[in-house]
Amino acid sequence: MIDKLTITNFKSFASAEIPLAPYTLLSGLNSSGKSTVLQALALLRQAQFAAGSLTIHRGVGGFPLNGELVELGTGQDILHEDYVREEGREPEIGFSLEADTATTFEWRARYEPEDERLSLTFSRSPMAGETAVTLFNPGFQYLSADRIIPAVTFPQSHEMAVRRGFLGTRGEYTIDYLRHYQDEPVRAKVLHHPDTSPRLLDQVEAWMGEICPGVKISAAAIERTDLVRLSFAFRERQLTTNPRRPTNVGFGLTYVLPVVVACLTAKPGAMILLENPEAHIHPQGQSVMARLTCAAAAAGAQLVVETHSDHILNGVRLTVKRGQLPADDVRLHYFQRNADGVIDIVSPTIGPEGMLSQWPPGFFDEWDRALDQLLD
């Protein structure tokens, strides 16, 4: 488990320390640094599994800024404008991870304004087989806010969906993954929806059914192509409708499907990064997403979730109050940009009854502010 991420001279931050927990919730106004945290973690994962990785060996090793997980541009696109540097040295972009083994791993790279791969100047990486760093373990998923939308077909990839079990940063391989593994059981009981069997497809339909009651899902290959087809049907008056294209159903079901599959297949010791799991679904569905993401953390995965939804926050608080996730397993961070451009991170703590230690201005308080004006 990763306990803390430290960022130096990267995008929104000259320097920042972000404590992490099994479930970490990031909130704040737009362009306040939340995505920077997720991109820092994704960049490290991308570097670890790229050629040269995160070790310095014969001059090879560094941060590949454009790859499978993130596309950040060149050095000048990611260097913080008010960067810090040691006297007499050029600025360096760096990250460190503090794991629950009380070990700190650290990487620093030389800034090159037009380079798409920044060379390492220092590296302290995990040894082979060291599982404390969830970021580098099997089962990693990163679902960005730019996820799949309703379409007639989706890509098929044995390498991504089957061998690696990776859903894609847009969730584009979710349908192919579901096609291959729909009959596999969801092993963690904490993830089981009570109304059905442990079979993955049944569990997906049950959780999706709380967002859209009666939904039935089908994923099938299109012969002699590298494409798969997704269709939705609905249980109505004891009958099931004919299958319907996602383009004829609505935006939310397709958009949220990768999040549901990622959580139900969460592996203990793995990391899941989620951007806006609440997007395009109604408030009740957003509360369901909070329950499911918390269940994935309770199943042993480490989640970092970016959200703008008070329903997600309150769903997490209720999960803690019900004893389904210990309060100590939750970290809340609220990002706010000051007038001078510096970003402050305020971190309310959550108690065992789901109550918060503080409500900084702007922290999910728009409802109360609007109500005050209505009652004025």
Protein backbone atom coordinates (compact mmCIF):
# COMPACT_ATOMS: atom_id res chain seq x y z
CA MET A 1 0.00 0.00 0.00
CA ILE A 2 1.23 3.48 -0.83
CA ASP A 3 0.98 5.87 2.10
CA LYS A 4 2.23 9.07 0.49
CA LEU A 5 3.00 10.55 -2.91
CA THR A 6 5.42 13.48 -3.15
CA ILE A 7 5.52 15.62 -6.30
CA THR A 8 8.23 18.11 -7.27
CA ASN A 9 8.05 20.60 -10.17
CA PHE A 10 5.29 18.70 -11.97
CA LYS A 11 2.38 20.55 -13.56
CA SER A 12 0.26 22.16 -10.82
CA PHE A 13 2.80 21.71 -8.04
CA ALA A 14 6.23 23.09 -7.26
CA SER A 15 6.14 20.79 -4.26
CA ALA A 16 3.35 18.75 -2.72
CA GLU A 17 2.88 15.84 -0.36
CA ILE A 18 -0.34 13.87 -0.78
CA PRO A 19 -1.09 11.22 1.86
CA LEU A 20 -2.86 8.19 0.41
CA ALA A 21 -5.00 5.46 1.93
CA PRO A 22 -6.80 2.37 0.65
CA TYR A 23 -9.49 4.84 -0.50
CA THR A 24 -8.41 8.38 -1.36
CA LEU A 25 -10.95 10.93 -2.56
CA LEU A 26 -9.75 14.01 -4.45
CA SER A 27 -12.07 17.00 -4.82
CA GLY A 28 -11.84 20.70 -5.61
CA LEU A 29 -12.54 23.29 -8.26
CA ASN A 30 -11.54 22.72 -11.87
CA SER A 31 -7.83 23.09 -12.70
CA SER A 32 -6.85 22.91 -9.05
CA GLY A 33 -4.42 19.97 -9.23
CA LYS A 34 -6.57 16.86 -8.77
CA SER A 35 -5.75 15.38 -12.16
CA THR A 36 -2.06 16.14 -11.60
CA VAL A 37 -2.07 13.59 -8.78
CA LEU A 38 -3.59 10.90 -10.97
CA GLN A 39 -1.28 11.74 -13.87
CA ALA A 40 1.78 11.56 -11.63
CA LEU A 41 0.86 8.03 -10.58
CA ALA A 42 -0.01 7.04 -14.14
CA LEU A 43 3.29 8.47 -15.43
CA LEU A 44 5.27 6.39 -12.93
CA ARG A 45 3.36 3.27 -13.95
CA GLN A 46 3.94 4.11 -17.61
CA ALA A 47 7.65 4.58 -16.99
CA GLN A 48 8.03 1.36 -15.02
CA PHE A 49 6.75 -0.74 -17.89
CA ALA A 50 8.32 1.21 -20.76
CA ALA A 51 11.71 0.31 -22.24
CA GLY A 52 14.34 1.38 -19.76
CA SER A 53 11.78 1.64 -16.94
CA LEU A 54 12.46 3.54 -13.73
CA THR A 55 16.02 2.39 -13.24
CA ILE A 56 19.24 3.98 -14.43
CA HIS A 57 21.20 1.43 -16.41
CA ARG A 58 23.84 2.45 -18.93
CA GLY A 59 22.26 5.85 -19.32
CA VAL A 60 18.80 4.41 -20.03
CA GLY A 61 15.76 5.16 -17.92
CA GLY A 62 13.39 8.03 -17.55
CA PHE A 63 9.89 9.40 -17.75
CA PRO A 64 8.23 8.70 -21.13
CA LEU A 65 5.76 11.57 -21.22
CA ASN A 66 3.61 10.09 -23.98
CA GLY A 67 2.44 6.52 -23.88
CA GLU A 68 -0.33 4.08 -23.10
CA LEU A 69 -1.62 5.82 -19.96
CA VAL A 70 -0.90 9.54 -20.33
CA GLU A 71 0.09 11.92 -23.12
CA LEU A 72 1.64 14.96 -21.51
CA GLY A 73 3.61 16.51 -24.36
CA THR A 74 7.20 17.62 -23.74
CA GLY A 75 9.19 18.81 -20.75
CA GLN A 76 8.02 22.40 -21.10
CA ASP A 77 4.41 21.22 -20.86
CA ILE A 78 4.85 19.62 -17.45
CA LEU A 79 7.40 21.80 -15.60
CA HIS A 80 5.73 23.90 -12.93
CA GLU A 81 6.10 27.59 -13.75
CA ASP A 82 7.49 28.54 -10.33
CA TYR A 83 9.73 25.51 -10.09
CA VAL A 84 12.11 24.93 -7.22
CA ARG A 85 15.73 23.91 -7.74
CA GLU A 86 18.92 23.49 -5.81
CA GLU A 87 21.46 26.26 -6.18
CA GLY A 88 23.65 25.83 -9.23
CA ARG A 89 21.55 23.01 -10.69
CA GLU A 90 18.98 22.90 -13.44
CA PRO A 91 15.41 22.09 -12.33
CA GLU A 92 14.45 18.46 -11.89
CA ILE A 93 11.04 16.85 -12.02
CA GLY A 94 10.64 14.28 -9.31
CA PHE A 95 8.32 11.90 -7.50
CA SER A 96 8.56 9.72 -4.43
CA LEU A 97 6.34 7.02 -2.98
CA GLU A 98 6.27 6.07 0.67
CA ALA A 99 5.04 2.51 1.10
CA ASP A 100 3.76 0.66 4.13
CA THR A 101 7.09 -1.10 4.40
CA ALA A 102 8.46 2.24 5.71
CA THR A 103 10.52 2.39 2.52
CA THR A 104 10.63 5.43 0.27
CA PHE A 105 11.11 5.06 -3.47
CA GLU A 106 12.24 8.12 -5.38
CA TRP A 107 12.90 9.25 -8.93
CA ARG A 108 14.24 12.50 -10.34
CA ALA A 109 14.62 13.44 -13.99
CA ARG A 110 16.46 16.21 -15.79
CA TYR A 111 14.27 18.89 -17.32
CA GLU A 112 14.56 19.19 -21.09
CA PRO A 113 12.03 21.62 -22.61
CA GLU A 114 11.55 19.85 -25.96
CA ASP A 115 12.17 16.26 -24.90
CA GLU A 116 9.36 13.72 -24.75
CA ARG A 117 11.44 11.43 -22.53
CA LEU A 118 13.12 12.95 -19.49
CA SER A 119 16.29 11.13 -18.42
CA LEU A 120 16.64 10.04 -14.81
CA THR A 121 19.30 11.60 -12.62
CA PHE A 122 18.37 9.56 -9.54
CA SER A 123 16.41 6.36 -8.99
CA ARG A 124 15.48 4.28 -5.97
CA SER A 125 13.03 1.72 -7.36
CA PRO A 126 11.28 -1.28 -5.76
CA MET A 127 13.13 -4.57 -6.03
CA ALA A 128 11.61 -7.36 -8.11
CA GLY A 129 8.75 -9.02 -6.27
CA GLU A 130 8.27 -6.15 -3.81
CA THR A 131 4.48 -5.92 -3.55
CA ALA A 132 4.11 -3.03 -1.12
CA VAL A 133 3.91 -0.57 -4.01
CA THR A 134 0.40 -1.16 -5.32
CA LEU A 135 1.07 1.08 -8.31
CA PHE A 136 3.34 -1.51 -9.93
CA ASN A 137 1.40 -4.66 -9.09
CA PRO A 138 -0.75 -6.67 -11.54
CA GLY A 139 -4.38 -5.62 -11.81
CA PHE A 140 -3.71 -1.91 -12.27
CA GLN A 141 -6.53 0.11 -13.88
CA TYR A 142 -6.70 3.77 -14.86
CA LEU A 143 -10.00 5.10 -16.18
CA SER A 144 -9.80 8.70 -17.29
CA ALA A 145 -12.74 11.09 -17.59
CA ASP A 146 -12.53 10.66 -21.37
CA ARG A 147 -14.20 7.24 -21.37
CA ILE A 148 -16.03 5.30 -24.03
CA ILE A 149 -19.38 6.60 -25.17
CA PRO A 150 -22.21 4.73 -26.92
CA ALA A 151 -20.99 3.24 -30.18
CA VAL A 152 -21.92 0.46 -32.58
CA THR A 153 -18.62 -1.42 -32.08
CA PHE A 154 -15.65 -1.45 -29.72
CA PRO A 155 -12.05 -2.69 -30.15
CA GLN A 156 -11.00 -6.27 -29.55
CA SER A 157 -7.54 -7.03 -28.15
CA HIS A 158 -6.38 -10.36 -26.77
CA GLU A 159 -3.20 -8.72 -25.47
CA MET A 160 -4.96 -5.98 -23.54
CA ALA A 161 -8.24 -7.55 -22.46
CA VAL A 162 -7.28 -11.19 -22.00
CA ARG A 163 -3.57 -11.50 -21.27
CA ARG A 164 -3.12 -8.26 -19.32
CA GLY A 165 -6.67 -7.76 -18.08
CA PHE A 166 -6.37 -4.03 -18.81
CA LEU A 167 -9.58 -2.16 -19.62
CA GLY A 168 -7.81 0.76 -21.31
CA THR A 169 -7.61 4.33 -20.07
CA ARG A 170 -10.91 5.05 -21.84
CA GLY A 171 -12.37 1.69 -20.88
CA GLU A 172 -12.24 0.78 -24.56
CA TYR A 173 -11.38 -2.89 -23.89
CA THR A 174 -14.10 -3.38 -21.27
CA ILE A 175 -16.52 -5.06 -23.65
CA ASP A 176 -13.87 -7.48 -24.93
CA TYR A 177 -12.82 -8.21 -21.33
CA LEU A 178 -16.42 -8.89 -20.35
CA ARG A 179 -16.88 -11.14 -23.39
CA HIS A 180 -13.95 -13.34 -22.27
CA TYR A 181 -14.47 -13.35 -18.51
CA GLN A 182 -18.25 -13.03 -18.11
CA ASP A 183 -18.56 -16.51 -16.58
CA GLU A 184 -15.71 -16.08 -14.09
CA PRO A 185 -16.75 -15.58 -10.45
CA VAL A 186 -16.27 -12.34 -8.54
CA ARG A 187 -14.16 -13.78 -5.74
CA ALA A 188 -14.34 -11.08 -3.07
CA LYS A 189 -17.62 -11.48 -1.19
CA VAL A 190 -17.59 -7.83 -0.17
CA LEU A 191 -18.15 -6.99 -3.84
CA HIS A 192 -21.11 -9.32 -4.26
CA HIS A 193 -24.46 -7.75 -5.00
CA PRO A 194 -26.90 -9.76 -2.86
CA ASP A 195 -29.52 -10.29 -5.54
CA THR A 196 -27.61 -12.63 -7.86
CA SER A 197 -24.85 -15.20 -8.34
CA PRO A 198 -21.11 -14.46 -8.09
CA ARG A 199 -20.77 -14.77 -11.91
CA LEU A 200 -19.14 -11.62 -13.27
CA LEU A 201 -21.82 -10.79 -15.85
CA ASP A 202 -24.58 -11.35 -13.29
CA GLN A 203 -22.82 -9.06 -10.84
CA VAL A 204 -22.29 -6.40 -13.49
CA GLU A 205 -25.99 -6.50 -14.40
CA ALA A 206 -27.03 -6.36 -10.74
CA TRP A 207 -24.92 -3.30 -9.96
CA MET A 208 -25.87 -1.64 -13.24
CA GLY A 209 -29.47 -2.49 -12.40
CA GLU A 210 -29.32 -0.07 -9.48
CA ILE A 211 -28.58 2.66 -12.02
CA CYS A 212 -31.04 1.39 -14.65
CA PRO A 213 -33.41 -1.29 -13.30
CA GLY A 214 -33.78 -4.46 -15.31
CA VAL A 215 -30.80 -3.88 -17.61
CA LYS A 216 -29.35 -6.94 -19.37
CA ILE A 217 -25.94 -6.83 -21.07
CA SER A 218 -24.50 -8.79 -23.97
CA ALA A 219 -20.93 -8.67 -25.31
CA ALA A 220 -20.08 -10.62 -28.46
CA ALA A 221 -17.33 -10.76 -31.06
CA ILE A 222 -17.97 -9.80 -34.65
CA GLU A 223 -16.58 -12.63 -36.75
CA ARG A 224 -13.52 -11.99 -38.93
CA THR A 225 -12.94 -8.55 -37.40
CA ASP A 226 -11.03 -7.06 -34.49
CA LEU A 227 -14.26 -5.66 -33.09
CA VAL A 228 -16.81 -6.57 -30.45
CA ARG A 229 -20.43 -5.55 -30.07
CA LEU A 230 -22.21 -4.40 -26.93
CA SER A 231 -25.98 -4.49 -26.57
CA PHE A 232 -28.47 -3.70 -23.84
CA ALA A 233 -31.87 -5.25 -23.19
CA PHE A 234 -34.34 -4.56 -20.40
CA ARG A 235 -36.51 -6.75 -18.22
CA GLU A 236 -40.05 -5.39 -18.35
CA ARG A 237 -43.21 -7.06 -17.02
CA GLN A 238 -41.48 -10.47 -16.73
CA LEU A 239 -40.29 -10.21 -20.35
CA THR A 240 -36.96 -9.14 -21.82
CA THR A 241 -36.91 -6.64 -24.66
CA ASN A 242 -34.99 -7.17 -27.87
CA PRO A 243 -31.29 -6.18 -27.72
CA ARG A 244 -30.64 -2.50 -28.37
CA ARG A 245 -27.57 -0.69 -29.58
CA PRO A 246 -25.81 1.49 -27.01
CA THR A 247 -26.43 4.45 -29.33
CA ASN A 248 -30.17 3.94 -28.83
CA VAL A 249 -30.07 3.59 -25.06
CA GLY A 250 -28.42 6.68 -23.63
CA PHE A 251 -25.03 7.92 -22.58
CA GLY A 252 -24.73 6.87 -18.94
CA LEU A 253 -24.89 3.08 -19.19
CA THR A 254 -21.98 2.75 -21.60
CA TYR A 255 -19.97 5.44 -19.83
CA VAL A 256 -20.21 3.87 -16.37
CA LEU A 257 -19.76 0.23 -17.46
CA PRO A 258 -15.91 0.32 -17.31
CA VAL A 259 -16.05 1.66 -13.74
CA VAL A 260 -18.35 -1.17 -12.64
CA VAL A 261 -16.17 -3.84 -14.29
CA ALA A 262 -12.95 -2.33 -12.88
CA CYS A 263 -14.33 -2.42 -9.33
CA LEU A 264 -15.82 -5.91 -9.55
CA THR A 265 -12.53 -7.30 -10.84
CA ALA A 266 -10.36 -5.40 -8.36
CA LYS A 267 -7.38 -7.46 -7.28
CA PRO A 268 -5.97 -7.30 -3.73
CA GLY A 269 -2.79 -5.27 -3.70
CA ALA A 270 -3.54 -3.52 -7.00
CA MET A 271 -4.23 0.16 -7.67
CA ILE A 272 -7.26 1.65 -9.43
CA LEU A 273 -7.30 5.30 -10.54
CA LEU A 274 -10.75 6.68 -11.34
CA GLU A 275 -11.73 10.05 -12.72
CA ASN A 276 -15.32 11.15 -12.12
CA PRO A 277 -17.05 7.79 -11.62
CA GLU A 278 -20.28 9.76 -11.16
CA ALA A 279 -20.33 11.34 -14.62
CA HIS A 280 -23.53 10.99 -16.68
CA ILE A 281 -25.49 9.09 -14.04
CA HIS A 282 -28.27 10.30 -11.76
CA PRO A 283 -27.78 10.99 -8.01
CA GLN A 284 -28.98 7.55 -6.88
CA GLY A 285 -26.56 5.95 -9.32
CA GLN A 286 -23.75 8.14 -8.01
CA SER A 287 -24.39 6.85 -4.51
CA VAL A 288 -24.22 3.31 -5.89
CA MET A 289 -20.82 4.12 -7.42
CA ALA A 290 -19.60 5.26 -4.00
CA ARG A 291 -20.67 1.95 -2.45
CA LEU A 292 -19.06 -0.08 -5.20
CA THR A 293 -15.76 1.81 -5.20
CA CYS A 294 -15.58 1.50 -1.41
CA ALA A 295 -16.25 -2.24 -1.74
CA ALA A 296 -13.28 -2.50 -4.12
CA ALA A 297 -11.09 -0.90 -1.46
CA ALA A 298 -12.50 -3.24 1.19
CA ALA A 299 -11.59 -6.13 -1.15
CA GLY A 300 -7.92 -5.12 -0.90
CA ALA A 301 -7.34 -2.75 -3.83
CA GLN A 302 -6.05 0.81 -3.40
CA LEU A 303 -8.27 3.41 -5.06
CA VAL A 304 -7.62 7.05 -5.86
CA VAL A 305 -10.87 8.68 -6.96
CA GLU A 306 -11.33 12.16 -8.38
CA THR A 307 -14.86 13.48 -8.01
CA HIS A 308 -17.08 16.55 -8.14
CA SER A 309 -20.04 14.74 -6.61
CA ASP A 310 -21.38 15.29 -3.11
CA HIS A 311 -23.28 12.01 -3.60
CA ILE A 312 -19.95 10.18 -3.93
CA LEU A 313 -18.65 11.88 -0.78
CA ASN A 314 -21.80 11.11 1.20
CA GLY A 315 -21.81 7.55 -0.10
CA VAL A 316 -18.29 7.10 1.25
CA ARG A 317 -19.33 8.60 4.59
CA LEU A 318 -22.28 6.20 4.82
CA THR A 319 -20.05 3.26 3.98
CA VAL A 320 -17.79 4.20 6.88
CA LYS A 321 -20.73 4.69 9.25
CA ARG A 322 -22.10 1.25 8.35
CA GLY A 323 -18.76 -0.33 9.19
CA GLN A 324 -18.13 -1.49 5.63
CA LEU A 325 -14.85 0.44 5.39
CA PRO A 326 -12.78 1.62 8.38
CA ALA A 327 -12.50 5.39 8.78
CA ASP A 328 -8.71 5.08 8.84
CA ASP A 329 -8.85 3.57 5.34
CA VAL A 330 -10.23 6.83 3.87
CA ARG A 331 -8.38 10.03 2.99
CA LEU A 332 -10.14 13.17 1.77
CA HIS A 333 -8.26 15.96 -0.01
CA TYR A 334 -9.74 19.26 -1.15
CA PHE A 335 -7.65 21.25 -3.64
CA GLN A 336 -8.01 25.03 -3.82
CA ARG A 337 -6.03 27.57 -5.83
CA ASN A 338 -5.20 30.82 -4.01
CA ALA A 339 -5.11 34.28 -5.59
CA ASP A 340 -1.31 33.98 -5.97
CA GLY A 341 -1.73 30.73 -7.92
CA VAL A 342 -0.45 28.49 -5.14
CA ILE A 343 -2.56 25.38 -4.55
CA ASP A 344 -3.46 24.48 -0.99
CA ILE A 345 -4.57 20.98 -0.07
CA VAL A 346 -7.00 20.77 2.84
CA SER A 347 -7.55 17.27 4.22
CA PRO A 348 -10.62 16.81 6.43
CA THR A 349 -10.61 13.61 8.46
CA ILE A 350 -13.58 11.29 8.64
CA GLY A 351 -14.77 9.77 11.88
CA PRO A 352 -16.30 6.33 12.49
CA GLU A 353 -19.80 7.84 12.30
CA GLY A 354 -19.05 9.38 8.89
CA MET A 355 -18.73 12.92 10.26
CA LEU A 356 -15.99 15.21 8.94
CA SER A 357 -13.54 17.22 11.00
CA GLN A 358 -14.02 20.37 8.90
CA TRP A 359 -15.81 21.82 5.88
CA PRO A 360 -13.46 24.28 4.17
CA PRO A 361 -15.14 26.93 1.98
CA GLY A 362 -16.08 25.44 -1.38
CA PHE A 363 -15.93 21.84 -0.14
CA PHE A 364 -19.26 20.40 -1.34
CA ASP A 365 -21.15 23.33 0.20
CA GLU A 366 -22.96 24.64 -2.88
CA TRP A 367 -26.24 23.00 -1.80
CA ASP A 368 -26.17 24.79 1.55
CA ARG A 369 -25.24 28.11 -0.07
CA ALA A 370 -28.08 27.84 -2.59
CA LEU A 371 -30.55 26.86 0.15
CA ASP A 372 -29.50 29.87 2.25
CA GLN A 373 -30.23 32.14 -0.72
CA LEU A 374 -33.60 30.50 -1.35
CA LEU A 375 -34.60 30.96 2.28
CA ASP A 376 -33.28 34.51 2.48
